[in-house]
């Protein structure tokens, strides 16, 4: 009776209602967290599947090209392949520079896309144009006597072009480190940057960031793990951008993990994926050598 007089009964009833509503909201929240956790894990699995599909597509595209070649009765195998670096690379570039022909006897083209060969490339290489497409992106060279027929991968590529001249048209800086530039390795958990004069490093900066490791699927902890990991990566990439702003050279090359390179396409002159990892400084050295390797394919 006294409770009703004081309004406590109504308060208790209201408290019970609120507790029921709270339990309902907690169940909704828990269900939403589980949904997000499942979505985060599904996203990881989807990214891995995309990578596998991209590799498979590349394999199938190569197989299609080979079968087209077989149907046309054309041998589509490269005559020779070789990885060039250091002295061997310089020797090959020296040899290409030494070639002299009659006016418009040497053809050079940078081919960025093997699926969209220009008419000039098809005319210059004829039946071998399909091999150029397989080697792309590449610098393709030939001469009017077909004595020189090759494609070279280009670490620091130019804009697309095609030209006939009395010598092959290329610059050494496309293939080997020359002049002053900044070279940076960026991964989701690592950053290393060097300023170079040619192949000599004259300055260095590097750091790594601790990232939460892969978490098993399930509930609130999985959703929280994904959110914290994304925040850690964002913070790490912001530190990388700040470090790159301190670069004092005019040219910037950024290499690293494919999933983060998009963040640097607007500020870098060249971006490229590499597999180098580990501690920052040795990883930078490995990335530098990996980036400047050139694949030679003789047609």
C-alpha atoms as a PDB file:
ATOM      1  CA  UNK A   1       0.000   0.000   0.000  1.00  0.00           C
ATOM      2  CA  UNK A   2       2.815   2.357   0.954  1.00  0.00           C
ATOM      3  CA  UNK A   3       4.698   1.445  -2.249  1.00  0.00           C
ATOM      4  CA  UNK A   4       1.721   2.433  -4.335  1.00  0.00           C
ATOM      5  CA  UNK A   5       1.308   5.662  -2.402  1.00  0.00           C
ATOM      6  CA  UNK A   6       4.947   6.565  -3.031  1.00  0.00           C
ATOM      7  CA  UNK A   7       4.784   5.483  -6.685  1.00  0.00           C
ATOM      8  CA  UNK A   8       7.405   2.782  -6.208  1.00  0.00           C
ATOM      9  CA  UNK A   9       5.230   0.123  -7.767  1.00  0.00           C
ATOM     10  CA  UNK A  10       5.048   2.127 -10.974  1.00  0.00           C
ATOM     11  CA  UNK A  11       8.776   2.678 -10.861  1.00  0.00           C
ATOM     12  CA  UNK A  12       9.406  -1.044 -10.425  1.00  0.00           C
ATOM     13  CA  UNK A  13       7.087  -1.823 -13.315  1.00  0.00           C
ATOM     14  CA  UNK A  14       8.957   0.727 -15.439  1.00  0.00           C
ATOM     15  CA  UNK A  15      12.304  -0.759 -14.396  1.00  0.00           C
ATOM     16  CA  UNK A  16      11.113  -4.220 -15.415  1.00  0.00           C
ATOM     17  CA  UNK A  17       9.993  -2.859 -18.792  1.00  0.00           C
ATOM     18  CA  UNK A  18      13.337  -1.171 -19.310  1.00  0.00           C
ATOM     19  CA  UNK A  19      15.219  -4.317 -18.298  1.00  0.00           C
ATOM     20  CA  UNK A  20      13.221  -6.330 -20.836  1.00  0.00           C
ATOM     21  CA  UNK A  21      13.943  -3.722 -23.502  1.00  0.00           C
ATOM     22  CA  UNK A  22      17.643  -3.750 -22.531  1.00  0.00           C
ATOM     23  CA  UNK A  23      17.782  -7.529 -22.878  1.00  0.00           C
ATOM     24  CA  UNK A  24      16.124  -7.239 -26.284  1.00  0.00           C
ATOM     25  CA  UNK A  25      18.617  -4.581 -27.416  1.00  0.00           C
ATOM     26  CA  UNK A  26      21.531  -6.640 -26.132  1.00  0.00           C
ATOM     27  CA  UNK A  27      20.314  -9.627 -28.159  1.00  0.00           C
ATOM     28  CA  UNK A  28      20.028  -7.407 -31.219  1.00  0.00           C
ATOM     29  CA  UNK A  29      23.524  -6.020 -30.639  1.00  0.00           C
ATOM     30  CA  UNK A  30      24.972  -9.476 -30.166  1.00  0.00           C
ATOM     31  CA  UNK A  31      23.339 -10.672 -33.373  1.00  0.00           C
ATOM     32  CA  UNK A  32      24.664  -7.631 -35.250  1.00  0.00           C
ATOM     33  CA  UNK A  33      28.167  -8.186 -33.892  1.00  0.00           C
ATOM     34  CA  UNK A  34      28.073 -11.805 -34.973  1.00  0.00           C
ATOM     35  CA  UNK A  35      26.879 -10.732 -38.415  1.00  0.00           C
ATOM     36  CA  UNK A  36      29.728  -8.238 -38.724  1.00  0.00           C
ATOM     37  CA  UNK A  37      32.255 -10.807 -37.557  1.00  0.00           C
ATOM     38  CA  UNK A  38      30.988 -13.258 -40.139  1.00  0.00           C
ATOM     39  CA  UNK A  39      31.149 -10.513 -42.778  1.00  0.00           C
ATOM     40  CA  UNK A  40      34.739  -9.635 -41.827  1.00  0.00           C
ATOM     41  CA  UNK A  41      35.836 -13.241 -42.073  1.00  0.00           C
ATOM     42  CA  UNK A  42      33.931 -13.656 -45.316  1.00  0.00           C
ATOM     43  CA  UNK A  43      35.707 -10.565 -46.662  1.00  0.00           C
ATOM     44  CA  UNK A  44      39.098 -12.093 -45.873  1.00  0.00           C
ATOM     45  CA  UNK A  45      38.125 -15.313 -47.573  1.00  0.00           C
ATOM     46  CA  UNK A  46      36.788 -13.367 -50.569  1.00  0.00           C
ATOM     47  CA  UNK A  47      40.040 -11.425 -50.938  1.00  0.00           C
ATOM     48  CA  UNK A  48      42.031 -14.648 -50.912  1.00  0.00           C
ATOM     49  CA  UNK A  49      39.673 -16.138 -53.480  1.00  0.00           C
ATOM     50  CA  UNK A  50      40.020 -13.045 -55.698  1.00  0.00           C
ATOM     51  CA  UNK A  51      43.794 -13.453 -55.644  1.00  0.00           C
ATOM     52  CA  UNK A  52      43.484 -17.108 -56.613  1.00  0.00           C
ATOM     53  CA  UNK A  53      41.021 -16.244 -59.382  1.00  0.00           C
ATOM     54  CA  UNK A  54      43.299 -13.527 -60.766  1.00  0.00           C
ATOM     55  CA  UNK A  55      46.150 -16.033 -60.964  1.00  0.00           C
ATOM     56  CA  UNK A  56      43.896 -18.582 -62.621  1.00  0.00           C
ATOM     57  CA  UNK A  57      42.592 -16.017 -65.124  1.00  0.00           C
ATOM     58  CA  UNK A  58      46.162 -15.121 -66.075  1.00  0.00           C
ATOM     59  CA  UNK A  59      46.927 -18.813 -66.608  1.00  0.00           C
ATOM     60  CA  UNK A  60      43.815 -19.300 -68.746  1.00  0.00           C
ATOM     61  CA  UNK A  61      44.541 -16.192 -70.810  1.00  0.00           C
ATOM     62  CA  UNK A  62      48.008 -17.548 -71.517  1.00  0.00           C
ATOM     63  CA  UNK A  63      46.492 -20.900 -72.483  1.00  0.00           C
ATOM     64  CA  UNK A  64      44.035 -19.177 -74.850  1.00  0.00           C
ATOM     65  CA  UNK A  65      46.897 -17.342 -76.546  1.00  0.00           C
ATOM     66  CA  UNK A  66      48.872 -20.559 -76.882  1.00  0.00           C
ATOM     67  CA  UNK A  67      45.919 -22.396 -78.419  1.00  0.00           C
ATOM     68  CA  UNK A  68      45.302 -19.567 -80.866  1.00  0.00           C
ATOM     69  CA  UNK A  69      48.925 -19.853 -81.829  1.00  0.00           C
ATOM     70  CA  UNK A  70      48.653 -23.626 -82.291  1.00  0.00           C
ATOM     71  CA  UNK A  71      45.561 -23.205 -84.469  1.00  0.00           C
ATOM     72  CA  UNK A  72      47.417 -20.686 -86.620  1.00  0.00           C
ATOM     73  CA  UNK A  73      50.382 -23.018 -86.875  1.00  0.00           C
ATOM     74  CA  UNK A  74      52.718 -20.548 -85.192  1.00  0.00           C
ATOM     75  CA  UNK A  75      55.352 -21.512 -82.616  1.00  0.00           C
ATOM     76  CA  UNK A  76      54.547 -19.320 -79.625  1.00  0.00           C
ATOM     77  CA  UNK A  77      57.455 -20.246 -77.399  1.00  0.00           C
ATOM     78  CA  UNK A  78      60.069 -17.683 -76.461  1.00  0.00           C
ATOM     79  CA  UNK A  79      63.450 -18.565 -77.904  1.00  0.00           C
ATOM     80  CA  UNK A  80      65.102 -17.779 -74.574  1.00  0.00           C
ATOM     81  CA  UNK A  81      64.364 -16.146 -71.238  1.00  0.00           C
ATOM     82  CA  UNK A  82      66.872 -14.668 -68.809  1.00  0.00           C
ATOM     83  CA  UNK A  83      66.856 -12.553 -65.655  1.00  0.00           C
ATOM     84  CA  UNK A  84      69.223  -9.594 -65.990  1.00  0.00           C
ATOM     85  CA  UNK A  85      70.843  -7.697 -63.149  1.00  0.00           C
ATOM     86  CA  UNK A  86      73.984  -5.747 -62.320  1.00  0.00           C
ATOM     87  CA  UNK A  87      76.820  -6.353 -64.826  1.00  0.00           C
ATOM     88  CA  UNK A  88      74.811  -8.629 -67.094  1.00  0.00           C
ATOM     89  CA  UNK A  89      72.039  -6.029 -67.388  1.00  0.00           C
ATOM     90  CA  UNK A  90      74.535  -3.272 -68.193  1.00  0.00           C
ATOM     91  CA  UNK A  91      76.152  -5.454 -70.853  1.00  0.00           C
ATOM     92  CA  UNK A  92      72.817  -6.147 -72.578  1.00  0.00           C
ATOM     93  CA  UNK A  93      71.834  -2.466 -72.512  1.00  0.00           C
ATOM     94  CA  UNK A  94      75.266  -1.530 -73.900  1.00  0.00           C
ATOM     95  CA  UNK A  95      74.750  -3.990 -76.744  1.00  0.00           C
ATOM     96  CA  UNK A  96      71.321  -2.585 -77.567  1.00  0.00           C
ATOM     97  CA  UNK A  97      72.737   0.944 -77.542  1.00  0.00           C
ATOM     98  CA  UNK A  98      75.476  -0.100 -79.969  1.00  0.00           C
ATOM     99  CA  UNK A  99      73.058  -1.289 -82.675  1.00  0.00           C
ATOM    100  CA  UNK A 100      72.931   1.068 -85.656  1.00  0.00           C
ATOM    101  CA  UNK A 101      70.778   0.579 -88.726  1.00  0.00           C
ATOM    102  CA  UNK A 102      69.713   2.432 -91.830  1.00  0.00           C
ATOM    103  CA  UNK A 103      67.191   5.244 -91.232  1.00  0.00           C
ATOM    104  CA  UNK A 104      64.008   3.755 -89.763  1.00  0.00           C
ATOM    105  CA  UNK A 105      65.588   0.326 -89.507  1.00  0.00           C
ATOM    106  CA  UNK A 106      65.229  -0.134 -85.715  1.00  0.00           C
ATOM    107  CA  UNK A 107      61.821  -0.417 -84.069  1.00  0.00           C
ATOM    108  CA  UNK A 108      61.212   0.267 -80.354  1.00  0.00           C
ATOM    109  CA  UNK A 109      57.916   0.256 -78.495  1.00  0.00           C
ATOM    110  CA  UNK A 110      56.831   0.312 -74.901  1.00  0.00           C
ATOM    111  CA  UNK A 111      53.794  -1.977 -74.698  1.00  0.00           C
ATOM    112  CA  UNK A 112      51.833  -1.518 -71.459  1.00  0.00           C
ATOM    113  CA  UNK A 113      48.969  -3.887 -72.298  1.00  0.00           C
ATOM    114  CA  UNK A 114      49.324  -7.162 -74.109  1.00  0.00           C
ATOM    115  CA  UNK A 115      45.598  -7.282 -74.877  1.00  0.00           C
ATOM    116  CA  UNK A 116      45.679  -4.022 -76.837  1.00  0.00           C
ATOM    117  CA  UNK A 117      48.634  -4.156 -79.224  1.00  0.00           C
ATOM    118  CA  UNK A 118      48.935  -1.171 -81.531  1.00  0.00           C
ATOM    119  CA  UNK A 119      48.889  -1.618 -85.279  1.00  0.00           C
ATOM    120  CA  UNK A 120      52.507  -0.484 -85.492  1.00  0.00           C
ATOM    121  CA  UNK A 121      53.580  -3.253 -83.067  1.00  0.00           C
ATOM    122  CA  UNK A 122      51.632  -5.877 -85.031  1.00  0.00           C
ATOM    123  CA  UNK A 123      53.160  -4.684 -88.303  1.00  0.00           C
ATOM    124  CA  UNK A 124      56.699  -4.610 -86.894  1.00  0.00           C
ATOM    125  CA  UNK A 125      56.599  -8.088 -85.324  1.00  0.00           C
ATOM    126  CA  UNK A 126      54.157  -9.897 -87.591  1.00  0.00           C
ATOM    127  CA  UNK A 127      53.579 -13.466 -86.344  1.00  0.00           C
ATOM    128  CA  UNK A 128      55.746 -12.731 -83.302  1.00  0.00           C
ATOM    129  CA  UNK A 129      53.370  -9.978 -82.110  1.00  0.00           C
ATOM    130  CA  UNK A 130      51.502 -12.512 -79.987  1.00  0.00           C
ATOM    131  CA  UNK A 131      54.719 -13.154 -78.042  1.00  0.00           C
ATOM    132  CA  UNK A 132      55.057  -9.424 -77.440  1.00  0.00           C
ATOM    133  CA  UNK A 133      51.544  -9.484 -76.021  1.00  0.00           C
ATOM    134  CA  UNK A 134      52.473 -12.299 -73.661  1.00  0.00           C
ATOM    135  CA  UNK A 135      55.581 -10.434 -72.484  1.00  0.00           C
ATOM    136  CA  UNK A 136      53.756  -7.121 -71.900  1.00  0.00           C
ATOM    137  CA  UNK A 137      54.168  -4.825 -70.117  1.00  0.00           C
ATOM    138  CA  UNK A 138      57.534  -4.624 -71.822  1.00  0.00           C
ATOM    139  CA  UNK A 139      59.908  -2.754 -74.085  1.00  0.00           C
ATOM    140  CA  UNK A 140      59.859  -4.535 -77.448  1.00  0.00           C
ATOM    141  CA  UNK A 141      62.705  -4.145 -79.953  1.00  0.00           C
ATOM    142  CA  UNK A 142      63.253  -5.476 -83.448  1.00  0.00           C
ATOM    143  CA  UNK A 143      65.004  -4.424 -86.627  1.00  0.00           C
ATOM    144  CA  UNK A 144      64.080  -4.583 -90.278  1.00  0.00           C
ATOM    145  CA  UNK A 145      66.280  -7.659 -90.769  1.00  0.00           C
ATOM    146  CA  UNK A 146      64.872  -9.437 -87.685  1.00  0.00           C
ATOM    147  CA  UNK A 147      68.397  -9.843 -86.296  1.00  0.00           C
ATOM    148  CA  UNK A 148      67.334  -8.388 -82.942  1.00  0.00           C
ATOM    149  CA  UNK A 149      63.995  -9.552 -81.535  1.00  0.00           C
ATOM    150  CA  UNK A 150      63.436  -9.176 -77.808  1.00  0.00           C
ATOM    151  CA  UNK A 151      61.166  -7.969 -75.045  1.00  0.00           C
ATOM    152  CA  UNK A 152      62.432  -6.576 -71.759  1.00  0.00           C
ATOM    153  CA  UNK A 153      60.447  -5.875 -68.616  1.00  0.00           C
ATOM    154  CA  UNK A 154      60.810  -2.234 -67.557  1.00  0.00           C
ATOM    155  CA  UNK A 155      61.117  -1.456 -63.818  1.00  0.00           C
ATOM    156  CA  UNK A 156      60.634   2.294 -64.291  1.00  0.00           C
ATOM    157  CA  UNK A 157      58.410   2.443 -67.392  1.00  0.00           C
ATOM    158  CA  UNK A 158      57.815   5.370 -69.748  1.00  0.00           C
ATOM    159  CA  UNK A 159      54.540   6.306 -71.395  1.00  0.00           C
ATOM    160  CA  UNK A 160      53.419   4.096 -74.250  1.00  0.00           C
ATOM    161  CA  UNK A 161      55.183   4.812 -77.560  1.00  0.00           C
ATOM    162  CA  UNK A 162      56.275   3.135 -80.799  1.00  0.00           C
ATOM    163  CA  UNK A 163      58.897   4.432 -83.213  1.00  0.00           C
ATOM    164  CA  UNK A 164      61.191   3.492 -86.091  1.00  0.00           C
ATOM    165  CA  UNK A 165      64.671   5.074 -86.039  1.00  0.00           C
ATOM    166  CA  UNK A 166      68.284   4.300 -86.878  1.00  0.00           C
ATOM    167  CA  UNK A 167      68.843   2.996 -83.318  1.00  0.00           C
ATOM    168  CA  UNK A 168      66.771   1.593 -80.478  1.00  0.00           C
ATOM    169  CA  UNK A 169      65.043   4.312 -78.448  1.00  0.00           C
ATOM    170  CA  UNK A 170      65.274   3.831 -74.680  1.00  0.00           C
ATOM    171  CA  UNK A 171      66.784   5.427 -71.586  1.00  0.00           C
ATOM    172  CA  UNK A 172      69.009   3.690 -69.058  1.00  0.00           C
ATOM    173  CA  UNK A 173      66.951   5.138 -66.188  1.00  0.00           C
ATOM    174  CA  UNK A 174      64.056   2.878 -67.242  1.00  0.00           C
ATOM    175  CA  UNK A 175      66.135  -0.207 -66.385  1.00  0.00           C
ATOM    176  CA  UNK A 176      68.729   0.723 -63.766  1.00  0.00           C
ATOM    177  CA  UNK A 177      69.025   3.241 -60.938  1.00  0.00           C
ATOM    178  CA  UNK A 178      70.404   6.553 -62.158  1.00  0.00           C
ATOM    179  CA  UNK A 179      70.464  10.046 -60.705  1.00  0.00           C
ATOM    180  CA  UNK A 180      68.804  11.056 -57.452  1.00  0.00           C
ATOM    181  CA  UNK A 181      65.564   9.408 -56.312  1.00  0.00           C
ATOM    182  CA  UNK A 182      63.705   8.070 -53.292  1.00  0.00           C
ATOM    183  CA  UNK A 183      62.842   4.385 -53.066  1.00  0.00           C
ATOM    184  CA  UNK A 184      60.298   3.268 -50.442  1.00  0.00           C
ATOM    185  CA  UNK A 185      58.991  -0.123 -49.359  1.00  0.00           C
ATOM    186  CA  UNK A 186      55.498  -0.071 -47.857  1.00  0.00           C
ATOM    187  CA  UNK A 187      53.680  -3.008 -46.326  1.00  0.00           C
ATOM    188  CA  UNK A 188      50.736  -2.997 -43.926  1.00  0.00           C
ATOM    189  CA  UNK A 189      53.146  -3.529 -41.029  1.00  0.00           C
ATOM    190  CA  UNK A 190      56.456  -2.149 -42.337  1.00  0.00           C
ATOM    191  CA  UNK A 191      57.998   0.963 -43.871  1.00  0.00           C
ATOM    192  CA  UNK A 192      61.507   1.552 -45.171  1.00  0.00           C
ATOM    193  CA  UNK A 193      62.720   4.453 -47.290  1.00  0.00           C
ATOM    194  CA  UNK A 194      66.067   5.278 -48.807  1.00  0.00           C
ATOM    195  CA  UNK A 195      67.346   8.214 -50.790  1.00  0.00           C
ATOM    196  CA  UNK A 196      69.664   7.081 -53.565  1.00  0.00           C
ATOM    197  CA  UNK A 197      72.284   8.480 -55.890  1.00  0.00           C
ATOM    198  CA  UNK A 198      72.325   5.837 -58.583  1.00  0.00           C
ATOM    199  CA  UNK A 199      72.580   2.499 -56.787  1.00  0.00           C
ATOM    200  CA  UNK A 200      74.180   4.058 -53.685  1.00  0.00           C
ATOM    201  CA  UNK A 201      71.918   4.721 -50.712  1.00  0.00           C
ATOM    202  CA  UNK A 202      72.746   8.044 -49.070  1.00  0.00           C
ATOM    203  CA  UNK A 203      69.934   8.268 -46.492  1.00  0.00           C
ATOM    204  CA  UNK A 204      67.646   5.817 -44.706  1.00  0.00           C
ATOM    205  CA  UNK A 205      64.511   5.805 -42.565  1.00  0.00           C
ATOM    206  CA  UNK A 206      62.439   2.829 -41.462  1.00  0.00           C
ATOM    207  CA  UNK A 207      60.006   1.483 -38.903  1.00  0.00           C
ATOM    208  CA  UNK A 208      57.550  -1.324 -38.404  1.00  0.00           C
ATOM    209  CA  UNK A 209      54.165  -1.512 -36.702  1.00  0.00           C
ATOM    210  CA  UNK A 210      52.689  -4.272 -34.587  1.00  0.00           C
ATOM    211  CA  UNK A 211      49.489  -5.614 -36.099  1.00  0.00           C
ATOM    212  CA  UNK A 212      47.058  -7.952 -34.436  1.00  0.00           C
ATOM    213  CA  UNK A 213      47.513 -11.437 -35.852  1.00  0.00           C
ATOM    214  CA  UNK A 214      44.780 -13.422 -37.569  1.00  0.00           C
ATOM    215  CA  UNK A 215      41.857 -14.037 -35.235  1.00  0.00           C
ATOM    216  CA  UNK A 216      39.567 -17.032 -35.289  1.00  0.00           C
ATOM    217  CA  UNK A 217      36.032 -16.458 -36.457  1.00  0.00           C
ATOM    218  CA  UNK A 218      33.376 -15.659 -33.896  1.00  0.00           C
ATOM    219  CA  UNK A 219      31.373 -13.061 -32.035  1.00  0.00           C
ATOM    220  CA  UNK A 220      32.248  -9.680 -30.649  1.00  0.00           C
ATOM    221  CA  UNK A 221      35.985 -10.368 -30.317  1.00  0.00           C
ATOM    222  CA  UNK A 222      36.271 -11.046 -34.067  1.00  0.00           C
ATOM    223  CA  UNK A 223      34.476  -7.813 -34.967  1.00  0.00           C
ATOM    224  CA  UNK A 224      36.622  -5.867 -32.538  1.00  0.00           C
ATOM    225  CA  UNK A 225      39.746  -7.526 -33.912  1.00  0.00           C
ATOM    226  CA  UNK A 226      38.864  -6.472 -37.466  1.00  0.00           C
ATOM    227  CA  UNK A 227      38.131  -2.900 -36.423  1.00  0.00           C
ATOM    228  CA  UNK A 228      41.339  -2.533 -34.417  1.00  0.00           C
ATOM    229  CA  UNK A 229      43.437  -4.098 -37.152  1.00  0.00           C
ATOM    230  CA  UNK A 230      42.009  -1.738 -39.782  1.00  0.00           C
ATOM    231  CA  UNK A 231      42.701   1.205 -37.485  1.00  0.00           C
ATOM    232  CA  UNK A 232      46.275   0.007 -36.959  1.00  0.00           C
ATOM    233  CA  UNK A 233      46.862  -0.282 -40.704  1.00  0.00           C
ATOM    234  CA  UNK A 234      45.358   3.177 -41.330  1.00  0.00           C
ATOM    235  CA  UNK A 235      47.600   4.684 -38.649  1.00  0.00           C
ATOM    236  CA  UNK A 236      50.623   2.898 -40.082  1.00  0.00           C
ATOM    237  CA  UNK A 237      49.909   4.140 -43.623  1.00  0.00           C
ATOM    238  CA  UNK A 238      49.491   7.680 -42.317  1.00  0.00           C
ATOM    239  CA  UNK A 239      52.945   7.433 -40.713  1.00  0.00           C
ATOM    240  CA  UNK A 240      54.272   6.260 -44.074  1.00  0.00           C
ATOM    241  CA  UNK A 241      52.737   9.235 -45.877  1.00  0.00           C
ATOM    242  CA  UNK A 242      54.250  11.638 -43.357  1.00  0.00           C
ATOM    243  CA  UNK A 243      57.681  10.031 -43.834  1.00  0.00           C
ATOM    244  CA  UNK A 244      57.388  10.260 -47.622  1.00  0.00           C
ATOM    245  CA  UNK A 245      56.577  13.964 -47.322  1.00  0.00           C
ATOM    246  CA  UNK A 246      60.076  14.424 -45.884  1.00  0.00           C
ATOM    247  CA  UNK A 247      61.700  13.100 -49.068  1.00  0.00           C
ATOM    248  CA  UNK A 248      63.936  15.705 -50.695  1.00  0.00           C
ATOM    249  CA  UNK A 249      64.305  14.129 -54.159  1.00  0.00           C
ATOM    250  CA  UNK A 250      62.206  14.823 -57.248  1.00  0.00           C
ATOM    251  CA  UNK A 251      61.537  11.171 -58.098  1.00  0.00           C
ATOM    252  CA  UNK A 252      59.670   8.723 -55.867  1.00  0.00           C
ATOM    253  CA  UNK A 253      59.338   4.974 -56.377  1.00  0.00           C
ATOM    254  CA  UNK A 254      57.038   3.105 -53.990  1.00  0.00           C
ATOM    255  CA  UNK A 255      56.989  -0.690 -53.902  1.00  0.00           C
ATOM    256  CA  UNK A 256      55.468  -3.230 -51.568  1.00  0.00           C
ATOM    257  CA  UNK A 257      52.273  -5.038 -50.729  1.00  0.00           C
ATOM    258  CA  UNK A 258      49.693  -4.914 -53.511  1.00  0.00           C
ATOM    259  CA  UNK A 259      46.817  -4.257 -51.094  1.00  0.00           C
ATOM    260  CA  UNK A 260      48.281  -0.918 -49.907  1.00  0.00           C
ATOM    261  CA  UNK A 261      49.936   0.441 -53.056  1.00  0.00           C
ATOM    262  CA  UNK A 262      46.759   2.187 -54.204  1.00  0.00           C
ATOM    263  CA  UNK A 263      47.222   4.606 -51.311  1.00  0.00           C
ATOM    264  CA  UNK A 264      50.423   5.953 -52.926  1.00  0.00           C
ATOM    265  CA  UNK A 265      49.672   6.049 -56.643  1.00  0.00           C
ATOM    266  CA  UNK A 266      48.981   9.783 -56.599  1.00  0.00           C
ATOM    267  CA  UNK A 267      52.236  10.742 -54.869  1.00  0.00           C
ATOM    268  CA  UNK A 268      54.641   8.244 -56.498  1.00  0.00           C
ATOM    269  CA  UNK A 269      56.109   8.365 -59.980  1.00  0.00           C
ATOM    270  CA  UNK A 270      56.159   4.560 -60.075  1.00  0.00           C
ATOM    271  CA  UNK A 271      54.493   1.870 -57.948  1.00  0.00           C
ATOM    272  CA  UNK A 272      55.179  -1.862 -58.117  1.00  0.00           C
ATOM    273  CA  UNK A 273      54.395  -4.907 -56.000  1.00  0.00           C
ATOM    274  CA  UNK A 274      57.335  -6.840 -54.522  1.00  0.00           C
ATOM    275  CA  UNK A 275      57.538  -9.780 -52.142  1.00  0.00           C
ATOM    276  CA  UNK A 276      60.284  -8.414 -49.850  1.00  0.00           C
ATOM    277  CA  UNK A 277      59.495  -8.569 -46.128  1.00  0.00           C
ATOM    278  CA  UNK A 278      61.244  -8.879 -42.777  1.00  0.00           C
ATOM    279  CA  UNK A 279      63.060  -6.202 -40.781  1.00  0.00           C
ATOM    280  CA  UNK A 280      62.869  -2.764 -42.449  1.00  0.00           C
ATOM    281  CA  UNK A 281      66.463  -2.191 -43.582  1.00  0.00           C
ATOM    282  CA  UNK A 282      67.272  -5.647 -45.022  1.00  0.00           C
ATOM    283  CA  UNK A 283      63.763  -5.747 -46.522  1.00  0.00           C
ATOM    284  CA  UNK A 284      64.488  -2.464 -48.309  1.00  0.00           C
ATOM    285  CA  UNK A 285      67.688  -3.912 -49.759  1.00  0.00           C
ATOM    286  CA  UNK A 286      65.839  -7.006 -51.006  1.00  0.00           C
ATOM    287  CA  UNK A 287      63.037  -4.887 -52.463  1.00  0.00           C
ATOM    288  CA  UNK A 288      65.559  -2.652 -54.246  1.00  0.00           C
ATOM    289  CA  UNK A 289      67.226  -5.603 -55.968  1.00  0.00           C
ATOM    290  CA  UNK A 290      63.895  -7.243 -56.768  1.00  0.00           C
ATOM    291  CA  UNK A 291      62.514  -4.050 -58.320  1.00  0.00           C
ATOM    292  CA  UNK A 292      65.526  -3.472 -60.596  1.00  0.00           C
ATOM    293  CA  UNK A 293      65.589  -7.017 -61.999  1.00  0.00           C
ATOM    294  CA  UNK A 294      64.806  -7.188 -65.724  1.00  0.00           C
ATOM    295  CA  UNK A 295      63.303 -10.140 -67.564  1.00  0.00           C
ATOM    296  CA  UNK A 296      64.678 -10.619 -71.080  1.00  0.00           C
ATOM    297  CA  UNK A 297      62.613 -12.685 -73.493  1.00  0.00           C
ATOM    298  CA  UNK A 298      64.097 -13.394 -76.891  1.00  0.00           C
ATOM    299  CA  UNK A 299      61.475 -13.935 -79.612  1.00  0.00           C
END
